[in-house]
């Protein structure tokens, strides 16, 4: 396994500053042997970070696996923490299309990243929309069973107010 910080030579705190979400997605596109599937998974992880408020998804939390000779794949996600539950004003560890603010990430930004990567913008938007709808539906009943009442209410209230969620569910 090799993480993105190792690949870029980002030592110490540079894991937060030496790349962006687009850097990560572009590295996946360049190196993965199933790049379309892995880039889509990368987009999904960025969406998940926004929805849960994970402000600590830095370069060391994105890795490649080498399952067989000549095969390079994005590793399963790890170290996923809803940091906004503990640091209410937390922001994204890696900027995504010129923002670190969870609430300013919109379809427009995802479309720009998709275009940069040479992907169909409508396809990425449709995938993100499906993911957001599913999360909002499932998490309404799941989150209260996982968190204490105060944190569950905060988590769900924040979720409903995110611009990306508003774009999907209105």
Protein backbone atom coordinates (compact mmCIF):
# COMPACT_ATOMS: atom_id res chain seq x y z
CA UNK A 1 0.00 0.00 0.00
CA UNK A 2 1.25 3.49 -0.81
CA UNK A 3 -0.52 6.70 0.21
CA UNK A 4 -0.79 9.90 -1.80
CA UNK A 5 1.48 11.79 0.61
CA UNK A 6 4.26 9.27 -0.04
CA UNK A 7 3.79 9.59 -3.79
CA UNK A 8 3.95 13.40 -3.64
CA UNK A 9 6.70 13.51 -1.02
CA UNK A 10 4.43 15.40 1.39
CA UNK A 11 6.05 15.06 4.80
CA UNK A 12 4.44 15.98 8.11
CA UNK A 13 1.86 18.73 7.96
CA UNK A 14 2.33 19.05 4.20
CA UNK A 15 -0.19 16.20 3.95
CA UNK A 16 -2.77 19.00 4.28
CA UNK A 17 -1.23 21.52 1.90
CA UNK A 18 0.62 19.75 -0.90
CA UNK A 19 -2.46 18.65 -2.79
CA UNK A 20 -6.16 19.14 -3.35
CA UNK A 21 -9.13 16.92 -4.03
CA UNK A 22 -8.42 17.38 -7.71
CA UNK A 23 -4.78 16.32 -7.17
CA UNK A 24 -6.00 13.10 -5.57
CA UNK A 25 -8.56 12.41 -8.30
CA UNK A 26 -5.98 13.11 -11.01
CA UNK A 27 -3.48 10.74 -9.39
CA UNK A 28 -6.18 8.06 -9.29
CA UNK A 29 -6.91 8.72 -12.97
CA UNK A 30 -3.22 8.49 -13.87
CA UNK A 31 -2.23 5.43 -11.86
CA UNK A 32 -5.25 3.17 -11.29
CA UNK A 33 -5.62 0.26 -13.66
CA UNK A 34 -9.41 0.66 -13.36
CA UNK A 35 -9.34 4.43 -13.25
CA UNK A 36 -13.00 5.15 -14.09
CA UNK A 37 -14.28 2.99 -11.23
CA UNK A 38 -11.66 4.31 -8.84
CA UNK A 39 -12.15 7.98 -9.79
CA UNK A 40 -15.90 7.55 -9.27
CA UNK A 41 -15.12 6.08 -5.85
CA UNK A 42 -12.90 9.10 -5.20
CA UNK A 43 -15.77 11.44 -6.01
CA UNK A 44 -18.03 9.40 -3.73
CA UNK A 45 -15.54 9.73 -0.86
CA UNK A 46 -15.40 13.49 -1.29
CA UNK A 47 -19.21 13.57 -1.17
CA UNK A 48 -19.18 11.41 1.97
CA UNK A 49 -16.64 13.75 3.58
CA UNK A 50 -18.91 16.70 2.86
CA UNK A 51 -22.03 14.96 4.14
CA UNK A 52 -20.51 13.68 7.38
CA UNK A 53 -18.22 16.67 7.92
CA UNK A 54 -14.90 14.83 7.75
CA UNK A 55 -12.31 17.59 7.97
CA UNK A 56 -9.35 15.23 8.24
CA UNK A 57 -9.23 13.45 4.87
CA UNK A 58 -5.68 14.49 4.01
CA UNK A 59 -3.21 12.93 1.56
CA UNK A 60 -2.23 10.11 3.94
CA UNK A 61 -5.85 8.92 3.98
CA UNK A 62 -5.88 8.16 0.25
CA UNK A 63 -3.88 5.10 -0.82
CA UNK A 64 -3.26 2.68 -3.63
CA UNK A 65 -3.18 -1.09 -3.27
CA UNK A 66 -1.23 -3.45 -5.51
CA UNK A 67 -3.41 -6.61 -5.50
CA UNK A 68 -1.46 -8.38 -8.23
CA UNK A 69 1.52 -7.63 -10.48
CA UNK A 70 0.70 -4.73 -12.77
CA UNK A 71 -2.54 -3.92 -10.96
CA UNK A 72 -3.00 -0.65 -9.07
CA UNK A 73 -6.27 0.14 -7.32
CA UNK A 74 -7.61 2.71 -4.91
CA UNK A 75 -7.61 1.22 -1.43
CA UNK A 76 -10.76 0.95 0.67
CA UNK A 77 -11.53 4.15 2.58
CA UNK A 78 -10.14 4.50 6.09
CA UNK A 79 -9.84 6.99 8.96
CA UNK A 80 -13.26 8.53 8.34
CA UNK A 81 -14.31 10.83 11.19
CA UNK A 82 -17.16 13.36 11.39
CA UNK A 83 -14.80 16.01 12.76
CA UNK A 84 -17.50 18.71 12.74
CA UNK A 85 -19.11 16.96 15.70
CA UNK A 86 -16.03 17.86 17.74
CA UNK A 87 -14.78 20.93 15.86
CA UNK A 88 -17.99 22.66 14.70
CA UNK A 89 -16.28 25.09 12.29
CA UNK A 90 -13.96 22.48 10.80
CA UNK A 91 -13.28 22.54 7.08
CA UNK A 92 -12.14 20.06 4.46
CA UNK A 93 -8.51 18.96 4.90
CA UNK A 94 -7.88 19.23 1.16
CA UNK A 95 -9.40 22.01 -0.90
CA UNK A 96 -11.82 20.89 -3.56
CA UNK A 97 -12.14 23.16 -6.59
CA UNK A 98 -10.86 26.19 -4.67
CA UNK A 99 -12.80 25.75 -1.44
CA UNK A 100 -12.32 24.09 1.92
CA UNK A 101 -15.81 24.98 3.10
CA UNK A 102 -18.13 21.96 3.13
CA UNK A 103 -21.12 24.20 2.47
CA UNK A 104 -19.77 25.79 -0.70
CA UNK A 105 -19.18 22.51 -2.54
CA UNK A 106 -21.87 22.30 -5.21
CA UNK A 107 -22.65 20.37 -8.37
CA UNK A 108 -20.85 23.10 -10.28
CA UNK A 109 -17.59 22.26 -8.51
CA UNK A 110 -18.02 18.53 -9.14
CA UNK A 111 -18.76 19.24 -12.80
CA UNK A 112 -15.56 21.34 -13.07
CA UNK A 113 -13.53 18.50 -11.55
CA UNK A 114 -15.16 15.97 -13.88
CA UNK A 115 -14.38 18.14 -16.90
CA UNK A 116 -10.75 18.54 -15.73
CA UNK A 117 -10.48 14.73 -15.56
CA UNK A 118 -12.09 14.21 -18.96
CA UNK A 119 -15.21 12.57 -17.51
CA UNK A 120 -18.83 13.07 -18.47
CA UNK A 121 -20.10 15.84 -16.20
CA UNK A 122 -23.73 14.64 -16.32
CA UNK A 123 -22.64 11.13 -15.27
CA UNK A 124 -20.74 12.44 -12.23
CA UNK A 125 -23.62 14.73 -11.25
CA UNK A 126 -26.13 11.87 -11.53
CA UNK A 127 -23.93 9.58 -9.40
CA UNK A 128 -23.49 12.26 -6.74
CA UNK A 129 -27.21 13.00 -6.73
CA UNK A 130 -28.00 9.31 -6.17
CA UNK A 131 -25.47 9.11 -3.34
CA UNK A 132 -26.80 12.22 -1.60
CA UNK A 133 -30.44 11.08 -1.88
CA UNK A 134 -29.57 7.66 -0.47
CA UNK A 135 -27.56 9.11 2.41
CA UNK A 136 -30.29 11.55 3.40
CA UNK A 137 -32.94 8.81 3.32
CA UNK A 138 -30.96 6.18 5.22
CA UNK A 139 -29.25 8.44 7.74
CA UNK A 140 -32.54 9.87 9.04
CA UNK A 141 -33.17 6.60 10.88
CA UNK A 142 -29.61 5.29 11.17
CA UNK A 143 -27.83 8.27 12.76
CA UNK A 144 -30.03 8.44 15.91
CA UNK A 145 -29.12 4.83 16.63
CA UNK A 146 -25.38 5.55 16.32
CA UNK A 147 -24.95 8.86 18.12
CA UNK A 148 -26.19 10.37 21.35
CA UNK A 149 -29.25 12.58 20.89
CA UNK A 150 -27.41 15.92 20.91
CA UNK A 151 -24.87 14.83 18.30
CA UNK A 152 -27.51 13.08 16.17
CA UNK A 153 -29.66 16.22 16.06
CA UNK A 154 -26.63 18.37 15.21
CA UNK A 155 -25.47 15.92 12.52
CA UNK A 156 -28.89 15.70 10.83
CA UNK A 157 -29.58 19.44 11.09
CA UNK A 158 -26.21 20.18 9.49
CA UNK A 159 -26.83 17.58 6.78
CA UNK A 160 -30.15 19.16 5.77
CA UNK A 161 -28.60 22.62 5.45
CA UNK A 162 -25.65 21.68 3.23
CA UNK A 163 -25.81 23.36 -0.17
CA UNK A 164 -25.11 20.06 -1.94
CA UNK A 165 -28.03 18.40 -0.16
CA UNK A 166 -30.27 21.36 -0.96
CA UNK A 167 -29.35 21.06 -4.65
CA UNK A 168 -30.50 17.44 -4.61
CA UNK A 169 -33.58 17.44 -2.37
CA UNK A 170 -34.55 21.12 -2.44
